[in-house]
Each structure stands twice: as C-alpha cells, then as structure tokens.
Amino acid sequence: MPNKYHRIVIKIGTSSIINADSDVKLSVIESLTRVLSELNKAHEVLLVTSGAVGVGMHTVGIKTRPSEIGELQALSAIGQSELMDIYSDHFKATGQTVAQLLLTRDVVDYPKSRRNVLQTINTLLKNNVIPIINENDAVSVDEFDHRTTFGENDQLAAIVTNFVAADLLVILSDINGLYNANPKKDPTAKLLEWVPKIDAKLMKVAGGHGSQFGTGGMATKLNAAKLILDHHREMAILNGEDPEVIKQLINGANVGTYFSATQPEGRTNE
C-alpha cells in the first residue's frame, strides 16, 4: 500500500453499526476490524467509534432515543461496555491488540493531561496497538466555564486527528459522500469528488440531522472537515456499509468525497 498516509484516524458513525431496528451490524464490525488490522501492518491506525448509546438502547430494548441527559448517560455507560466487548472479540480474531480510551474535552484542552494522553496514544501506536477512542459520554457535561463534551463524534474525530498529527481522517457514514443536493430528494444530485474548502453554500446543502440512534449528520461532518482543512490535513467521507472501501481509498481509488487543499489526482470539484 502507498505510504502517503503514515497515521490514519478512522471514525465510524452510529448509523454504520446500528440498523433501523436497533440491532448491531456485526458483519460491518467484523469487516471493519479485519480491514483495520490489515492497515495497521503498514500504517498507524486509530479508531474513533460512535454507537455507545445505540448499543445501550439495543441492550435494554429501547427503540426511541431518549432526550433526558441522565438516561442518555446511563445508556452510554451500558453500551460502551458492550461495544468494547464486541470490538475486542472481533479484533482478537485477527490477532490485533486494541486499547480503549474514553476522552473528555478538558483532557485535550489542558496542557498536562494533553501531554499525558498523547504520550499514551504514541506508546500504543509504537507497539502496534490500535487505540479505540470514544467520548466519555457517561460523565461528560458542559457547566459554566468547565467544558468536558466534544459535542459529537465527528468533532471528536477531527480534534483527535489534529491532536495526534495524523495525515488523514476517514469518516464512515451511511452515505457515499457529500452531494451538491440532497440525494434522497433530488435524483439529479451529484457526488462531489473533491472539496478544497468549506463555505456557506456547502453548509446550506449539508443540512439535516443524524439517525434516531446518533447525533451526527452531514453538517457535523463539514464542520469536522473545516477543522481538518484549517490544520492543513486531509479527510474523506466514505460509505461505511463495506469497510473495504477504506483500502480502496488508500490505494488511490476515486471513492467518496475527499477534502484537501490541493487537488488529488483523478478527482474534480465540479
């Protein structure tokens, strides 16, 4: 595989691992863990995962995402344990060692804790361990001037990418990439292959919210892309239904939407 990307952050959204019936998509997780284990032989790989609340809902048999903070944090606490067990079992089948890191915003905002967590991540990567990162939703809160939440995991993934100086952020979603119109409403909507900057027109096109189990949407992904581009890094949005698409991207295939200041070979922004 090309070595353009030394360090890669992969973020998978709730809609990619939880279906409409609140069941966990074990086949997607199996494929994802296999692909990341293969990539980790030639690259340094980090996984940012959503889905703790969704898995918690599945575990206790809830179909509709609650709005009360206490209920959401309780579901996250239940789901995070279950989700990590699922990842650990599937990674173990590939012979890949993983480690869990639950972050709050203040961990990366304050210098001493920032240095400590970065040292931990670098040590894990040096030893070929894949860090599995999620926000510590069970305890995160915003109160006055003490902010511990990231907002949602697209933002978390972008912050982690910049924080660890990764070369690429790949966001796996339930859509092929960014379109110039809503493809669910407009049959003429065209996939944008390359986006060099985030402007008001693109943000207007993005609109909308995530699934009933998650908090993301295309707007949150564009906010993440802006943060990535502002730090002179690169990002892609891919359809997470088949995680093999990650290898296609890294091997130079024109898949998904690619965000970078310079035009990638074979891609246009028309």
C-alpha atoms as a PDB file:
ATOM      1  CA  MET A   1       0.000   0.000   0.000  1.00  0.00           C
ATOM      2  CA  PRO A   2       1.178   3.550  -0.675  1.00  0.00           C
ATOM      3  CA  ASN A   3       2.871   5.219   2.285  1.00  0.00           C
ATOM      4  CA  LYS A   4       1.374   8.663   1.703  1.00  0.00           C
ATOM      5  CA  TYR A   5      -0.502   8.201   4.954  1.00  0.00           C
ATOM      6  CA  HIS A   6       1.621   7.304   7.949  1.00  0.00           C
ATOM      7  CA  ARG A   7      -1.025   7.859  10.641  1.00  0.00           C
ATOM      8  CA  ILE A   8      -4.743   7.425   9.897  1.00  0.00           C
ATOM      9  CA  VAL A   9      -7.819   8.076  12.038  1.00  0.00           C
ATOM     10  CA  ILE A  10     -10.949   6.118  11.111  1.00  0.00           C
ATOM     11  CA  LYS A  11     -14.277   7.320  12.515  1.00  0.00           C
ATOM     12  CA  ILE A  12     -17.367   5.145  12.204  1.00  0.00           C
ATOM     13  CA  GLY A  13     -20.820   6.580  12.830  1.00  0.00           C
ATOM     14  CA  THR A  14     -23.691   5.045  14.741  1.00  0.00           C
ATOM     15  CA  SER A  15     -25.759   4.534  11.578  1.00  0.00           C
ATOM     16  CA  SER A  16     -22.972   2.368  10.155  1.00  0.00           C
ATOM     17  CA  ILE A  17     -23.029  -0.091  13.060  1.00  0.00           C
ATOM     18  CA  ILE A  18     -26.674   0.082  14.256  1.00  0.00           C
ATOM     19  CA  ASN A  19     -29.571  -0.628  11.895  1.00  0.00           C
ATOM     20  CA  ALA A  20     -33.088   0.816  11.922  1.00  0.00           C
ATOM     21  CA  ASP A  21     -34.293  -1.984  14.222  1.00  0.00           C
ATOM     22  CA  SER A  22     -31.573  -1.078  16.770  1.00  0.00           C
ATOM     23  CA  ASP A  23     -29.648  -4.279  16.028  1.00  0.00           C
ATOM     24  CA  VAL A  24     -25.841  -4.171  15.930  1.00  0.00           C
ATOM     25  CA  LYS A  25     -24.421  -4.734  12.438  1.00  0.00           C
ATOM     26  CA  LEU A  26     -21.952  -7.422  13.418  1.00  0.00           C
ATOM     27  CA  SER A  27     -20.989  -8.080   9.791  1.00  0.00           C
ATOM     28  CA  VAL A  28     -19.864  -4.447   9.403  1.00  0.00           C
ATOM     29  CA  ILE A  29     -17.859  -4.591  12.631  1.00  0.00           C
ATOM     30  CA  GLU A  30     -16.271  -7.882  11.532  1.00  0.00           C
ATOM     31  CA  SER A  31     -15.236  -6.332   8.218  1.00  0.00           C
ATOM     32  CA  LEU A  32     -14.047  -3.107   9.853  1.00  0.00           C
ATOM     33  CA  THR A  33     -11.838  -4.887  12.382  1.00  0.00           C
ATOM     34  CA  ARG A  34     -10.335  -7.069   9.661  1.00  0.00           C
ATOM     35  CA  VAL A  35      -9.606  -4.079   7.404  1.00  0.00           C
ATOM     36  CA  LEU A  36      -8.072  -2.018  10.214  1.00  0.00           C
ATOM     37  CA  SER A  37      -5.942  -4.956  11.332  1.00  0.00           C
ATOM     38  CA  GLU A  38      -4.585  -5.253   7.783  1.00  0.00           C
ATOM     39  CA  LEU A  39      -3.977  -1.497   7.525  1.00  0.00           C
ATOM     40  CA  ASN A  40      -2.173  -1.474  10.853  1.00  0.00           C
ATOM     41  CA  LYS A  41       0.612  -3.538   9.323  1.00  0.00           C
ATOM     42  CA  ALA A  42       1.636  -0.649   7.062  1.00  0.00           C
ATOM     43  CA  HIS A  43       0.184   2.395   8.825  1.00  0.00           C
ATOM     44  CA  GLU A  44      -0.558   3.654  12.307  1.00  0.00           C
ATOM     45  CA  VAL A  45      -4.308   3.334  12.811  1.00  0.00           C
ATOM     46  CA  LEU A  46      -6.675   4.868  15.362  1.00  0.00           C
ATOM     47  CA  LEU A  47     -10.412   4.153  15.544  1.00  0.00           C
ATOM     48  CA  VAL A  48     -12.934   6.710  16.778  1.00  0.00           C
ATOM     49  CA  THR A  49     -16.247   4.971  17.266  1.00  0.00           C
ATOM     50  CA  SER A  50     -19.767   6.163  17.887  1.00  0.00           C
ATOM     51  CA  GLY A  51     -22.544   3.825  18.928  1.00  0.00           C
ATOM     52  CA  ALA A  52     -22.361   3.530  22.725  1.00  0.00           C
ATOM     53  CA  VAL A  53     -25.858   4.953  23.245  1.00  0.00           C
ATOM     54  CA  GLY A  54     -27.217   2.945  20.302  1.00  0.00           C
ATOM     55  CA  VAL A  55     -25.740  -0.290  21.634  1.00  0.00           C
ATOM     56  CA  GLY A  56     -27.080   0.596  25.073  1.00  0.00           C
ATOM     57  CA  MET A  57     -30.548   1.057  23.579  1.00  0.00           C
ATOM     58  CA  HIS A  58     -30.233  -2.328  21.888  1.00  0.00           C
ATOM     59  CA  THR A  59     -29.089  -3.960  25.135  1.00  0.00           C
ATOM     60  CA  VAL A  60     -32.055  -2.713  27.192  1.00  0.00           C
ATOM     61  CA  GLY A  61     -34.584  -2.960  24.348  1.00  0.00           C
ATOM     62  CA  ILE A  62     -35.324   0.740  23.741  1.00  0.00           C
ATOM     63  CA  LYS A  63     -36.317   1.729  20.190  1.00  0.00           C
ATOM     64  CA  THR A  64     -36.529   5.523  20.560  1.00  0.00           C
ATOM     65  CA  ARG A  65     -33.544   7.609  21.655  1.00  0.00           C
ATOM     66  CA  PRO A  66     -34.412   9.436  24.918  1.00  0.00           C
ATOM     67  CA  SER A  67     -33.784  13.163  25.315  1.00  0.00           C
ATOM     68  CA  GLU A  68     -33.109  13.286  29.066  1.00  0.00           C
ATOM     69  CA  ILE A  69     -29.387  13.639  29.814  1.00  0.00           C
ATOM     70  CA  GLY A  70     -29.368  11.174  32.696  1.00  0.00           C
ATOM     71  CA  GLU A  71     -31.000   8.463  30.576  1.00  0.00           C
ATOM     72  CA  LEU A  72     -28.571   9.055  27.716  1.00  0.00           C
ATOM     73  CA  GLN A  73     -25.561   8.877  30.022  1.00  0.00           C
ATOM     74  CA  ALA A  74     -26.856   5.679  31.614  1.00  0.00           C
ATOM     75  CA  LEU A  75     -27.389   4.112  28.186  1.00  0.00           C
ATOM     76  CA  SER A  76     -23.891   5.200  27.180  1.00  0.00           C
ATOM     77  CA  ALA A  77     -22.412   3.529  30.263  1.00  0.00           C
ATOM     78  CA  ILE A  78     -24.248   0.290  29.411  1.00  0.00           C
ATOM     79  CA  GLY A  79     -23.488   0.443  25.710  1.00  0.00           C
ATOM     80  CA  GLN A  80     -19.824   1.399  25.978  1.00  0.00           C
ATOM     81  CA  SER A  81     -19.010  -1.817  27.822  1.00  0.00           C
ATOM     82  CA  GLU A  82     -20.954  -3.928  25.332  1.00  0.00           C
ATOM     83  CA  LEU A  83     -19.473  -2.123  22.327  1.00  0.00           C
ATOM     84  CA  MET A  84     -15.902  -2.570  23.528  1.00  0.00           C
ATOM     85  CA  ASP A  85     -16.530  -6.273  24.125  1.00  0.00           C
ATOM     86  CA  ILE A  86     -17.743  -6.609  20.532  1.00  0.00           C
ATOM     87  CA  TYR A  87     -14.709  -4.788  19.125  1.00  0.00           C
ATOM     88  CA  SER A  88     -12.280  -6.701  21.348  1.00  0.00           C
ATOM     89  CA  ASP A  89     -13.681 -10.081  20.301  1.00  0.00           C
ATOM     90  CA  HIS A  90     -13.510  -9.266  16.589  1.00  0.00           C
ATOM     91  CA  PHE A  91     -10.042  -7.710  16.744  1.00  0.00           C
ATOM     92  CA  LYS A  92      -8.818 -10.666  18.791  1.00  0.00           C
ATOM     93  CA  ALA A  93      -9.912 -12.967  15.959  1.00  0.00           C
ATOM     94  CA  THR A  94      -7.475 -11.120  13.655  1.00  0.00           C
ATOM     95  CA  GLY A  95      -4.642 -11.241  16.189  1.00  0.00           C
ATOM     96  CA  GLN A  96      -4.767  -7.472  16.686  1.00  0.00           C
ATOM     97  CA  THR A  97      -4.362  -5.920  20.130  1.00  0.00           C
ATOM     98  CA  VAL A  98      -6.549  -2.894  20.917  1.00  0.00           C
ATOM     99  CA  ALA A  99      -6.891  -0.428  23.786  1.00  0.00           C
ATOM    100  CA  GLN A 100      -9.824   1.695  24.908  1.00  0.00           C
ATOM    101  CA  LEU A 101      -9.522   5.435  25.504  1.00  0.00           C
ATOM    102  CA  LEU A 102     -12.534   7.419  26.741  1.00  0.00           C
ATOM    103  CA  LEU A 103     -11.892  11.148  26.410  1.00  0.00           C
ATOM    104  CA  THR A 104     -13.483  14.324  27.681  1.00  0.00           C
ATOM    105  CA  ARG A 105     -12.840  17.716  26.108  1.00  0.00           C
ATOM    106  CA  ASP A 106     -10.849  19.042  29.061  1.00  0.00           C
ATOM    107  CA  VAL A 107      -8.337  16.203  28.654  1.00  0.00           C
ATOM    108  CA  VAL A 108      -7.121  17.699  25.371  1.00  0.00           C
ATOM    109  CA  ASP A 109      -7.634  21.325  26.445  1.00  0.00           C
ATOM    110  CA  TYR A 110      -5.292  21.315  29.429  1.00  0.00           C
ATOM    111  CA  PRO A 111      -1.517  21.025  28.783  1.00  0.00           C
ATOM    112  CA  LYS A 112      -0.546  18.387  31.351  1.00  0.00           C
ATOM    113  CA  SER A 113      -3.402  15.991  30.634  1.00  0.00           C
ATOM    114  CA  ARG A 114      -2.923  16.660  26.903  1.00  0.00           C
ATOM    115  CA  ARG A 115       0.725  15.605  27.101  1.00  0.00           C
ATOM    116  CA  ASN A 116      -0.149  12.519  29.108  1.00  0.00           C
ATOM    117  CA  VAL A 117      -2.860  11.252  26.768  1.00  0.00           C
ATOM    118  CA  LEU A 118      -0.707  11.971  23.698  1.00  0.00           C
ATOM    119  CA  GLN A 119       2.144  10.014  25.277  1.00  0.00           C
ATOM    120  CA  THR A 120      -0.247   7.126  25.912  1.00  0.00           C
ATOM    121  CA  ILE A 121      -1.507   7.146  22.314  1.00  0.00           C
ATOM    122  CA  ASN A 122       2.003   7.352  20.859  1.00  0.00           C
ATOM    123  CA  THR A 123       3.147   4.473  23.055  1.00  0.00           C
ATOM    124  CA  LEU A 124       0.204   2.331  21.951  1.00  0.00           C
ATOM    125  CA  LEU A 125       0.876   3.074  18.279  1.00  0.00           C
ATOM    126  CA  LYS A 126       4.584   2.390  18.700  1.00  0.00           C
ATOM    127  CA  ASN A 127       3.649  -1.060  19.988  1.00  0.00           C
ATOM    128  CA  ASN A 128       1.249  -1.729  17.076  1.00  0.00           C
ATOM    129  CA  VAL A 129      -1.817  -1.401  19.300  1.00  0.00           C
ATOM    130  CA  ILE A 130      -4.934   0.223  17.799  1.00  0.00           C
ATOM    131  CA  PRO A 131      -6.487   2.798  20.170  1.00  0.00           C
ATOM    132  CA  ILE A 132     -10.296   2.706  20.158  1.00  0.00           C
ATOM    133  CA  ILE A 133     -11.474   6.183  21.148  1.00  0.00           C
ATOM    134  CA  ASN A 134     -14.869   7.459  22.194  1.00  0.00           C
ATOM    135  CA  GLU A 135     -16.135  10.364  24.233  1.00  0.00           C
ATOM    136  CA  ASN A 136     -16.792   9.525  27.871  1.00  0.00           C
ATOM    137  CA  ASP A 137     -20.486  10.312  27.446  1.00  0.00           C
ATOM    138  CA  ALA A 138     -21.413   8.839  30.823  1.00  0.00           C
ATOM    139  CA  VAL A 139     -19.689  11.720  32.638  1.00  0.00           C
ATOM    140  CA  SER A 140     -19.236  14.497  30.044  1.00  0.00           C
ATOM    141  CA  VAL A 141     -21.058  17.739  30.768  1.00  0.00           C
ATOM    142  CA  ASP A 142     -20.892  21.452  29.939  1.00  0.00           C
ATOM    143  CA  GLU A 143     -21.247  23.638  33.020  1.00  0.00           C
ATOM    144  CA  PHE A 144     -20.371  27.332  33.144  1.00  0.00           C
ATOM    145  CA  ASP A 145     -16.694  27.603  32.117  1.00  0.00           C
ATOM    146  CA  HIS A 146     -15.948  23.899  32.591  1.00  0.00           C
ATOM    147  CA  ARG A 147     -16.476  22.160  29.287  1.00  0.00           C
ATOM    148  CA  THR A 148     -15.948  18.404  29.010  1.00  0.00           C
ATOM    149  CA  THR A 149     -18.025  17.481  25.950  1.00  0.00           C
ATOM    150  CA  PHE A 150     -16.852  17.435  22.324  1.00  0.00           C
ATOM    151  CA  GLY A 151     -20.402  17.927  21.028  1.00  0.00           C
ATOM    152  CA  GLU A 152     -20.497  14.883  18.765  1.00  0.00           C
ATOM    153  CA  ASN A 153     -18.053  12.327  17.421  1.00  0.00           C
ATOM    154  CA  ASP A 154     -17.319  13.929  14.040  1.00  0.00           C
ATOM    155  CA  GLN A 155     -15.892  16.856  16.008  1.00  0.00           C
ATOM    156  CA  LEU A 156     -14.108  14.445  18.347  1.00  0.00           C
ATOM    157  CA  ALA A 157     -12.554  12.640  15.372  1.00  0.00           C
ATOM    158  CA  ALA A 158     -11.292  15.905  13.847  1.00  0.00           C
ATOM    159  CA  ILE A 159      -9.859  17.052  17.178  1.00  0.00           C
ATOM    160  CA  VAL A 160      -8.142  13.690  17.668  1.00  0.00           C
ATOM    161  CA  THR A 161      -6.749  13.792  14.108  1.00  0.00           C
ATOM    162  CA  ASN A 162      -5.174  17.190  14.670  1.00  0.00           C
ATOM    163  CA  PHE A 163      -4.146  16.325  18.228  1.00  0.00           C
ATOM    164  CA  VAL A 164      -2.157  13.226  17.184  1.00  0.00           C
ATOM    165  CA  ALA A 165      -0.909  14.861  13.944  1.00  0.00           C
ATOM    166  CA  ALA A 166      -2.500  12.210  11.732  1.00  0.00           C
ATOM    167  CA  ASP A 167      -2.250  12.545   7.963  1.00  0.00           C
ATOM    168  CA  LEU A 168      -5.814  11.521   7.180  1.00  0.00           C
ATOM    169  CA  LEU A 169      -9.246  11.316   8.785  1.00  0.00           C
ATOM    170  CA  VAL A 170     -11.702   8.870   7.216  1.00  0.00           C
ATOM    171  CA  ILE A 171     -15.326   9.277   8.279  1.00  0.00           C
ATOM    172  CA  LEU A 172     -17.510   6.248   7.575  1.00  0.00           C
ATOM    173  CA  SER A 173     -21.162   7.159   7.189  1.00  0.00           C
ATOM    174  CA  ASP A 174     -24.393   5.769   5.719  1.00  0.00           C
ATOM    175  CA  ILE A 175     -23.985   7.820   2.541  1.00  0.00           C
ATOM    176  CA  ASN A 176     -21.393   7.694  -0.261  1.00  0.00           C
ATOM    177  CA  GLY A 177     -20.089  11.195   0.441  1.00  0.00           C
ATOM    178  CA  LEU A 178     -21.113  14.840   0.051  1.00  0.00           C
ATOM    179  CA  TYR A 179     -23.555  15.673  -2.733  1.00  0.00           C
ATOM    180  CA  ASN A 180     -24.412  19.031  -4.298  1.00  0.00           C
ATOM    181  CA  ALA A 181     -28.034  18.419  -3.256  1.00  0.00           C
ATOM    182  CA  ASN A 182     -29.925  16.003  -1.042  1.00  0.00           C
ATOM    183  CA  PRO A 183     -29.745  12.683  -2.946  1.00  0.00           C
ATOM    184  CA  LYS A 184     -32.807  11.380  -1.057  1.00  0.00           C
ATOM    185  CA  LYS A 185     -34.918  14.188  -2.501  1.00  0.00           C
ATOM    186  CA  ASP A 186     -33.146  15.129  -5.725  1.00  0.00           C
ATOM    187  CA  PRO A 187     -32.432  12.305  -8.213  1.00  0.00           C
ATOM    188  CA  THR A 188     -30.019  14.589 -10.112  1.00  0.00           C
ATOM    189  CA  ALA A 189     -27.828  15.144  -7.057  1.00  0.00           C
ATOM    190  CA  LYS A 190     -24.159  14.665  -7.881  1.00  0.00           C
ATOM    191  CA  LEU A 191     -21.446  13.326  -5.613  1.00  0.00           C
ATOM    192  CA  LEU A 192     -18.663  15.851  -5.025  1.00  0.00           C
ATOM    193  CA  GLU A 193     -15.325  14.115  -5.539  1.00  0.00           C
ATOM    194  CA  TRP A 194     -13.060  16.813  -4.096  1.00  0.00           C
ATOM    195  CA  VAL A 195     -13.736  19.722  -1.746  1.00  0.00           C
ATOM    196  CA  PRO A 196     -10.890  22.224  -1.163  1.00  0.00           C
ATOM    197  CA  LYS A 197     -12.739  24.485   1.300  1.00  0.00           C
ATOM    198  CA  ILE A 198     -15.909  24.696   3.371  1.00  0.00           C
ATOM    199  CA  ASP A 199     -18.133  27.674   2.583  1.00  0.00           C
ATOM    200  CA  ALA A 200     -21.667  28.832   3.404  1.00  0.00           C
ATOM    201  CA  LYS A 201     -23.083  27.285   0.219  1.00  0.00           C
ATOM    202  CA  LEU A 202     -21.813  23.833   1.156  1.00  0.00           C
ATOM    203  CA  MET A 203     -23.102  24.160   4.713  1.00  0.00           C
ATOM    204  CA  LYS A 204     -26.543  25.041   3.354  1.00  0.00           C
ATOM    205  CA  VAL A 205     -26.507  21.924   1.171  1.00  0.00           C
ATOM    206  CA  ALA A 206     -25.469  19.762   4.135  1.00  0.00           C
ATOM    207  CA  GLY A 207     -28.402  20.480   6.480  1.00  0.00           C
ATOM    208  CA  GLY A 208     -30.254  17.716   8.307  1.00  0.00           C
ATOM    209  CA  HIS A 209     -29.591  15.502  11.286  1.00  0.00           C
ATOM    210  CA  GLY A 210     -28.310  12.032  12.040  1.00  0.00           C
ATOM    211  CA  SER A 211     -30.222   8.822  12.660  1.00  0.00           C
ATOM    212  CA  GLN A 212     -32.523   8.102  15.601  1.00  0.00           C
ATOM    213  CA  PHE A 213     -29.585   6.429  17.343  1.00  0.00           C
ATOM    214  CA  GLY A 214     -26.896   9.040  16.697  1.00  0.00           C
ATOM    215  CA  THR A 215     -26.330  12.792  16.811  1.00  0.00           C
ATOM    216  CA  GLY A 216     -24.397  13.388  13.594  1.00  0.00           C
ATOM    217  CA  GLY A 217     -25.359  14.467  10.095  1.00  0.00           C
ATOM    218  CA  MET A 218     -23.627  15.934   7.059  1.00  0.00           C
ATOM    219  CA  ALA A 219     -23.357  19.367   8.691  1.00  0.00           C
ATOM    220  CA  THR A 220     -21.305  17.938  11.555  1.00  0.00           C
ATOM    221  CA  LYS A 221     -19.036  16.242   9.022  1.00  0.00           C
ATOM    222  CA  LEU A 222     -18.440  19.522   7.199  1.00  0.00           C
ATOM    223  CA  ASN A 223     -17.633  21.222  10.498  1.00  0.00           C
ATOM    224  CA  ALA A 224     -15.106  18.440  11.078  1.00  0.00           C
ATOM    225  CA  ALA A 225     -13.727  18.917   7.556  1.00  0.00           C
ATOM    226  CA  LYS A 226     -13.273  22.631   8.188  1.00  0.00           C
ATOM    227  CA  LEU A 227     -11.291  21.880  11.339  1.00  0.00           C
ATOM    228  CA  ILE A 228      -9.156  19.399   9.378  1.00  0.00           C
ATOM    229  CA  LEU A 229      -8.526  21.811   6.484  1.00  0.00           C
ATOM    230  CA  ASP A 230      -7.721  24.658   8.883  1.00  0.00           C
ATOM    231  CA  HIS A 231      -4.902  22.483  10.226  1.00  0.00           C
ATOM    232  CA  HIS A 232      -3.635  21.580   6.728  1.00  0.00           C
ATOM    233  CA  ARG A 233      -4.676  17.935   6.935  1.00  0.00           C
ATOM    234  CA  GLU A 234      -6.905  15.756   4.762  1.00  0.00           C
ATOM    235  CA  MET A 235     -10.216  13.974   5.223  1.00  0.00           C
ATOM    236  CA  ALA A 236     -12.573  11.674   3.335  1.00  0.00           C
ATOM    237  CA  ILE A 237     -16.226  10.728   3.752  1.00  0.00           C
ATOM    238  CA  LEU A 238     -16.975   7.162   2.663  1.00  0.00           C
ATOM    239  CA  ASN A 239     -19.931   4.810   2.835  1.00  0.00           C
ATOM    240  CA  GLY A 240     -19.282   2.516   5.798  1.00  0.00           C
ATOM    241  CA  GLU A 241     -21.546  -0.290   4.602  1.00  0.00           C
ATOM    242  CA  ASP A 242     -18.464  -2.084   3.292  1.00  0.00           C
ATOM    243  CA  PRO A 243     -15.301  -1.008   5.174  1.00  0.00           C
ATOM    244  CA  GLU A 244     -13.166  -2.477   2.366  1.00  0.00           C
ATOM    245  CA  VAL A 245     -13.685   0.937   0.760  1.00  0.00           C
ATOM    246  CA  ILE A 246     -11.051   2.311   3.158  1.00  0.00           C
ATOM    247  CA  LYS A 247      -8.362   0.226   1.457  1.00  0.00           C
ATOM    248  CA  GLN A 248      -9.629   1.347  -1.950  1.00  0.00           C
ATOM    249  CA  LEU A 249      -9.241   4.988  -0.911  1.00  0.00           C
ATOM    250  CA  ILE A 250      -5.747   4.499   0.467  1.00  0.00           C
ATOM    251  CA  ASN A 251      -4.757   2.671  -2.716  1.00  0.00           C
ATOM    252  CA  GLY A 252      -5.793   5.716  -4.766  1.00  0.00           C
ATOM    253  CA  ALA A 253      -9.322   4.823  -5.901  1.00  0.00           C
ATOM    254  CA  ASN A 254     -11.735   7.690  -6.567  1.00  0.00           C
ATOM    255  CA  VAL A 255     -14.300   6.816  -3.884  1.00  0.00           C
ATOM    256  CA  GLY A 256     -16.313   9.060  -1.583  1.00  0.00           C
ATOM    257  CA  THR A 257     -15.638  12.758  -1.095  1.00  0.00           C
ATOM    258  CA  TYR A 258     -12.086  13.934  -0.418  1.00  0.00           C
ATOM    259  CA  PHE A 259     -11.258  17.139   1.448  1.00  0.00           C
ATOM    260  CA  SER A 260      -7.822  18.650   0.853  1.00  0.00           C
ATOM    261  CA  ALA A 261      -6.303  21.995  -0.053  1.00  0.00           C
ATOM    262  CA  THR A 262      -4.577  20.505  -3.097  1.00  0.00           C
ATOM    263  CA  GLN A 263      -6.422  18.609  -5.811  1.00  0.00           C
ATOM    264  CA  PRO A 264      -5.939  14.827  -5.619  1.00  0.00           C
ATOM    265  CA  GLU A 265      -5.056  13.038  -8.828  1.00  0.00           C
ATOM    266  CA  GLY A 266      -8.121  11.925 -10.766  1.00  0.00           C
ATOM    267  CA  ARG A 267     -10.668  13.998  -8.789  1.00  0.00           C
ATOM    268  CA  THR A 268     -12.612  17.120  -9.738  1.00  0.00           C
ATOM    269  CA  ASN A 269     -14.726  19.555  -7.732  1.00  0.00           C
ATOM    270  CA  GLU A 270     -17.337  20.116 -10.455  1.00  0.00           C
END
